[in-house]
């Protein structure tokens, strides 16, 4: 018989679907004082397996990542025990100063929509609307090292 841990683990497809259905993820960097620095962030779970964020270049999370590239990410949902679902990721973060990538991340994470789902003219127009924001931001690219997931709905009401 499979362990409870094995029963609630999500498949890779379920993880992708869950992340695609969410808008906010907690990005936790390591603060200069040794305490975790958790921040809710809009994100994009890209087809390359990386998680992308765009943030102000002078933000505390950027300073933290410059010092220590290890981060943890948490995306969760549910208000009752049988609804609890989450993906927890241990990752290496990389800071990328690239305006075009920042535009893509900002659009896909909530400022305009997926450019792949737009007509080319519309995508170009939205890109130009987002550009002034993107020039002030840096992209945080997180490459997962370990992914832990759970979906309590898989227990079918038995605990």
C-alpha atoms as a PDB file:
ATOM      1  CA  UNK A   1       0.000   0.000   0.000  1.00  0.00           C
ATOM      2  CA  UNK A   2       1.289   3.446  -0.925  1.00  0.00           C
ATOM      3  CA  UNK A   3       2.216   5.814   1.890  1.00  0.00           C
ATOM      4  CA  UNK A   4       0.068   8.885   2.537  1.00  0.00           C
ATOM      5  CA  UNK A   5       2.949  10.964   1.177  1.00  0.00           C
ATOM      6  CA  UNK A   6       2.907   8.991  -2.078  1.00  0.00           C
ATOM      7  CA  UNK A   7      -0.889   9.202  -2.280  1.00  0.00           C
ATOM      8  CA  UNK A   8      -0.993  12.995  -2.125  1.00  0.00           C
ATOM      9  CA  UNK A   9       2.025  13.734  -4.338  1.00  0.00           C
ATOM     10  CA  UNK A  10       1.098  15.511  -7.577  1.00  0.00           C
ATOM     11  CA  UNK A  11       2.307  14.321 -10.959  1.00  0.00           C
ATOM     12  CA  UNK A  12       4.403  16.626 -13.150  1.00  0.00           C
ATOM     13  CA  UNK A  13       1.310  17.401 -15.254  1.00  0.00           C
ATOM     14  CA  UNK A  14      -0.741  18.167 -12.133  1.00  0.00           C
ATOM     15  CA  UNK A  15       1.996  20.495 -10.886  1.00  0.00           C
ATOM     16  CA  UNK A  16       2.073  22.342 -14.223  1.00  0.00           C
ATOM     17  CA  UNK A  17      -1.742  22.660 -14.251  1.00  0.00           C
ATOM     18  CA  UNK A  18      -1.839  23.848 -10.640  1.00  0.00           C
ATOM     19  CA  UNK A  19       0.853  26.497 -11.165  1.00  0.00           C
ATOM     20  CA  UNK A  20      -0.842  27.672 -14.372  1.00  0.00           C
ATOM     21  CA  UNK A  21      -4.063  28.182 -12.384  1.00  0.00           C
ATOM     22  CA  UNK A  22      -2.416  30.381  -9.733  1.00  0.00           C
ATOM     23  CA  UNK A  23      -1.267  33.990  -9.814  1.00  0.00           C
ATOM     24  CA  UNK A  24       0.701  34.494  -6.593  1.00  0.00           C
ATOM     25  CA  UNK A  25       3.650  32.549  -5.210  1.00  0.00           C
ATOM     26  CA  UNK A  26       5.656  33.195  -2.055  1.00  0.00           C
ATOM     27  CA  UNK A  27       9.314  33.818  -2.915  1.00  0.00           C
ATOM     28  CA  UNK A  28      11.524  33.402   0.150  1.00  0.00           C
ATOM     29  CA  UNK A  29      15.085  34.682   0.017  1.00  0.00           C
ATOM     30  CA  UNK A  30      17.632  34.626   2.833  1.00  0.00           C
ATOM     31  CA  UNK A  31      17.869  37.956   4.626  1.00  0.00           C
ATOM     32  CA  UNK A  32      21.157  39.560   5.680  1.00  0.00           C
ATOM     33  CA  UNK A  33      20.247  38.958   9.331  1.00  0.00           C
ATOM     34  CA  UNK A  34      19.709  35.212   8.819  1.00  0.00           C
ATOM     35  CA  UNK A  35      15.931  35.395   8.859  1.00  0.00           C
ATOM     36  CA  UNK A  36      13.859  34.240   5.868  1.00  0.00           C
ATOM     37  CA  UNK A  37      12.433  37.074   3.767  1.00  0.00           C
ATOM     38  CA  UNK A  38       9.106  35.804   2.301  1.00  0.00           C
ATOM     39  CA  UNK A  39       7.320  37.958  -0.266  1.00  0.00           C
ATOM     40  CA  UNK A  40       4.145  37.294  -2.277  1.00  0.00           C
ATOM     41  CA  UNK A  41       4.901  37.733  -5.971  1.00  0.00           C
ATOM     42  CA  UNK A  42       3.090  37.336  -9.263  1.00  0.00           C
ATOM     43  CA  UNK A  43       4.924  34.691 -11.257  1.00  0.00           C
ATOM     44  CA  UNK A  44       5.219  32.840 -14.539  1.00  0.00           C
ATOM     45  CA  UNK A  45       5.858  29.089 -14.581  1.00  0.00           C
ATOM     46  CA  UNK A  46       7.586  28.789 -17.955  1.00  0.00           C
ATOM     47  CA  UNK A  47       7.714  25.755 -20.250  1.00  0.00           C
ATOM     48  CA  UNK A  48      11.478  25.498 -19.563  1.00  0.00           C
ATOM     49  CA  UNK A  49      10.648  24.448 -15.975  1.00  0.00           C
ATOM     50  CA  UNK A  50      11.874  27.705 -14.436  1.00  0.00           C
ATOM     51  CA  UNK A  51       9.778  30.066 -12.352  1.00  0.00           C
ATOM     52  CA  UNK A  52      10.117  33.736 -13.297  1.00  0.00           C
ATOM     53  CA  UNK A  53       9.422  36.910 -11.322  1.00  0.00           C
ATOM     54  CA  UNK A  54      10.016  40.569 -12.169  1.00  0.00           C
ATOM     55  CA  UNK A  55      10.800  43.018  -9.397  1.00  0.00           C
ATOM     56  CA  UNK A  56      12.431  46.371  -8.779  1.00  0.00           C
ATOM     57  CA  UNK A  57      16.191  46.193  -9.136  1.00  0.00           C
ATOM     58  CA  UNK A  58      16.723  47.897  -5.769  1.00  0.00           C
ATOM     59  CA  UNK A  59      14.363  45.635  -3.807  1.00  0.00           C
ATOM     60  CA  UNK A  60      15.448  43.769  -0.691  1.00  0.00           C
ATOM     61  CA  UNK A  61      14.846  40.390  -2.341  1.00  0.00           C
ATOM     62  CA  UNK A  62      17.318  41.305  -5.096  1.00  0.00           C
ATOM     63  CA  UNK A  63      19.922  42.325  -2.480  1.00  0.00           C
ATOM     64  CA  UNK A  64      19.332  39.012  -0.695  1.00  0.00           C
ATOM     65  CA  UNK A  65      19.712  36.962  -3.894  1.00  0.00           C
ATOM     66  CA  UNK A  66      22.918  38.814  -4.775  1.00  0.00           C
ATOM     67  CA  UNK A  67      24.300  37.554  -1.446  1.00  0.00           C
ATOM     68  CA  UNK A  68      22.784  34.049  -1.510  1.00  0.00           C
ATOM     69  CA  UNK A  69      21.103  32.572  -4.582  1.00  0.00           C
ATOM     70  CA  UNK A  70      19.208  29.880  -2.648  1.00  0.00           C
ATOM     71  CA  UNK A  71      15.470  30.531  -2.515  1.00  0.00           C
ATOM     72  CA  UNK A  72      12.317  28.635  -1.698  1.00  0.00           C
ATOM     73  CA  UNK A  73       8.992  29.071  -3.451  1.00  0.00           C
ATOM     74  CA  UNK A  74       5.511  28.165  -2.231  1.00  0.00           C
ATOM     75  CA  UNK A  75       2.237  28.197  -4.099  1.00  0.00           C
ATOM     76  CA  UNK A  76      -0.779  26.944  -2.143  1.00  0.00           C
ATOM     77  CA  UNK A  77      -4.558  26.830  -2.186  1.00  0.00           C
ATOM     78  CA  UNK A  78      -7.442  25.523  -0.115  1.00  0.00           C
ATOM     79  CA  UNK A  79      -9.219  26.562   3.052  1.00  0.00           C
ATOM     80  CA  UNK A  80     -10.321  23.157   4.370  1.00  0.00           C
ATOM     81  CA  UNK A  81      -7.962  20.247   5.073  1.00  0.00           C
ATOM     82  CA  UNK A  82      -9.376  18.097   2.272  1.00  0.00           C
ATOM     83  CA  UNK A  83      -8.820  20.992  -0.187  1.00  0.00           C
ATOM     84  CA  UNK A  84      -5.200  21.749   0.699  1.00  0.00           C
ATOM     85  CA  UNK A  85      -2.929  21.701  -2.316  1.00  0.00           C
ATOM     86  CA  UNK A  86       0.575  23.106  -2.659  1.00  0.00           C
ATOM     87  CA  UNK A  87       3.848  23.080  -4.543  1.00  0.00           C
ATOM     88  CA  UNK A  88       7.023  23.831  -2.585  1.00  0.00           C
ATOM     89  CA  UNK A  89      10.218  24.388  -4.588  1.00  0.00           C
ATOM     90  CA  UNK A  90      13.846  24.687  -3.521  1.00  0.00           C
ATOM     91  CA  UNK A  91      15.660  26.605  -6.247  1.00  0.00           C
ATOM     92  CA  UNK A  92      18.712  28.560  -7.346  1.00  0.00           C
ATOM     93  CA  UNK A  93      17.835  32.124  -8.299  1.00  0.00           C
ATOM     94  CA  UNK A  94      19.565  34.071 -11.027  1.00  0.00           C
ATOM     95  CA  UNK A  95      19.148  37.810 -11.578  1.00  0.00           C
ATOM     96  CA  UNK A  96      18.705  38.744 -15.237  1.00  0.00           C
ATOM     97  CA  UNK A  97      18.750  42.367 -16.408  1.00  0.00           C
ATOM     98  CA  UNK A  98      16.961  42.079 -19.759  1.00  0.00           C
ATOM     99  CA  UNK A  99      14.134  44.478 -20.609  1.00  0.00           C
ATOM    100  CA  UNK A 100      12.554  42.203 -23.240  1.00  0.00           C
ATOM    101  CA  UNK A 101      12.504  39.247 -20.824  1.00  0.00           C
ATOM    102  CA  UNK A 102      11.107  41.521 -18.096  1.00  0.00           C
ATOM    103  CA  UNK A 103       8.302  42.552 -20.467  1.00  0.00           C
ATOM    104  CA  UNK A 104       7.487  38.886 -21.164  1.00  0.00           C
ATOM    105  CA  UNK A 105       7.486  38.031 -17.463  1.00  0.00           C
ATOM    106  CA  UNK A 106       5.361  41.047 -16.506  1.00  0.00           C
ATOM    107  CA  UNK A 107       2.845  40.276 -19.252  1.00  0.00           C
ATOM    108  CA  UNK A 108       2.593  36.557 -18.461  1.00  0.00           C
ATOM    109  CA  UNK A 109       2.500  37.120 -14.702  1.00  0.00           C
ATOM    110  CA  UNK A 110      -0.507  39.386 -14.823  1.00  0.00           C
ATOM    111  CA  UNK A 111       0.121  42.658 -16.655  1.00  0.00           C
ATOM    112  CA  UNK A 112      -1.470  42.094 -20.005  1.00  0.00           C
ATOM    113  CA  UNK A 113      -1.730  38.371 -20.600  1.00  0.00           C
ATOM    114  CA  UNK A 114       0.082  35.704 -22.553  1.00  0.00           C
ATOM    115  CA  UNK A 115       1.486  37.269 -25.736  1.00  0.00           C
ATOM    116  CA  UNK A 116       1.337  33.860 -27.439  1.00  0.00           C
ATOM    117  CA  UNK A 117      -2.458  33.995 -27.131  1.00  0.00           C
ATOM    118  CA  UNK A 118      -2.754  37.467 -28.707  1.00  0.00           C
ATOM    119  CA  UNK A 119      -2.811  38.736 -32.234  1.00  0.00           C
ATOM    120  CA  UNK A 120       0.671  40.060 -33.124  1.00  0.00           C
ATOM    121  CA  UNK A 121      -0.543  43.678 -33.247  1.00  0.00           C
ATOM    122  CA  UNK A 122      -2.202  43.392 -29.844  1.00  0.00           C
ATOM    123  CA  UNK A 123       0.878  41.734 -28.310  1.00  0.00           C
ATOM    124  CA  UNK A 124       3.098  44.522 -29.679  1.00  0.00           C
ATOM    125  CA  UNK A 125       0.764  47.181 -28.285  1.00  0.00           C
ATOM    126  CA  UNK A 126       0.673  45.578 -24.819  1.00  0.00           C
ATOM    127  CA  UNK A 127       4.472  45.135 -24.863  1.00  0.00           C
ATOM    128  CA  UNK A 128       4.899  48.872 -25.427  1.00  0.00           C
ATOM    129  CA  UNK A 129       2.450  49.664 -22.613  1.00  0.00           C
ATOM    130  CA  UNK A 130       4.425  47.422 -20.231  1.00  0.00           C
ATOM    131  CA  UNK A 131       7.892  48.598 -21.369  1.00  0.00           C
ATOM    132  CA  UNK A 132       8.099  51.683 -19.059  1.00  0.00           C
ATOM    133  CA  UNK A 133       7.579  49.407 -16.056  1.00  0.00           C
ATOM    134  CA  UNK A 134       9.998  46.761 -17.333  1.00  0.00           C
ATOM    135  CA  UNK A 135      12.963  49.117 -17.648  1.00  0.00           C
ATOM    136  CA  UNK A 136      12.948  49.568 -13.855  1.00  0.00           C
ATOM    137  CA  UNK A 137      12.895  45.857 -13.126  1.00  0.00           C
ATOM    138  CA  UNK A 138      15.142  42.836 -13.006  1.00  0.00           C
ATOM    139  CA  UNK A 139      13.999  39.279 -13.685  1.00  0.00           C
ATOM    140  CA  UNK A 140      14.484  36.578 -11.078  1.00  0.00           C
ATOM    141  CA  UNK A 141      14.855  33.213 -12.825  1.00  0.00           C
ATOM    142  CA  UNK A 142      14.484  30.305 -10.399  1.00  0.00           C
ATOM    143  CA  UNK A 143      15.805  26.902 -11.466  1.00  0.00           C
ATOM    144  CA  UNK A 144      14.218  24.186  -9.314  1.00  0.00           C
ATOM    145  CA  UNK A 145      16.501  21.763  -7.479  1.00  0.00           C
ATOM    146  CA  UNK A 146      13.742  19.945  -5.597  1.00  0.00           C
ATOM    147  CA  UNK A 147       9.950  20.016  -5.891  1.00  0.00           C
ATOM    148  CA  UNK A 148       7.620  18.789  -3.164  1.00  0.00           C
ATOM    149  CA  UNK A 149       3.871  18.729  -3.766  1.00  0.00           C
ATOM    150  CA  UNK A 150       0.685  17.630  -2.092  1.00  0.00           C
ATOM    151  CA  UNK A 151      -2.998  17.483  -2.921  1.00  0.00           C
ATOM    152  CA  UNK A 152      -5.175  16.357  -0.020  1.00  0.00           C
ATOM    153  CA  UNK A 153      -8.169  15.917  -2.338  1.00  0.00           C
ATOM    154  CA  UNK A 154      -6.457  12.706  -3.497  1.00  0.00           C
ATOM    155  CA  UNK A 155      -7.213  11.153  -0.101  1.00  0.00           C
ATOM    156  CA  UNK A 156     -10.911  11.092  -0.940  1.00  0.00           C
ATOM    157  CA  UNK A 157     -12.018  12.319   2.471  1.00  0.00           C
ATOM    158  CA  UNK A 158     -10.136   9.668   4.464  1.00  0.00           C
ATOM    159  CA  UNK A 159      -7.337  10.838   6.701  1.00  0.00           C
END
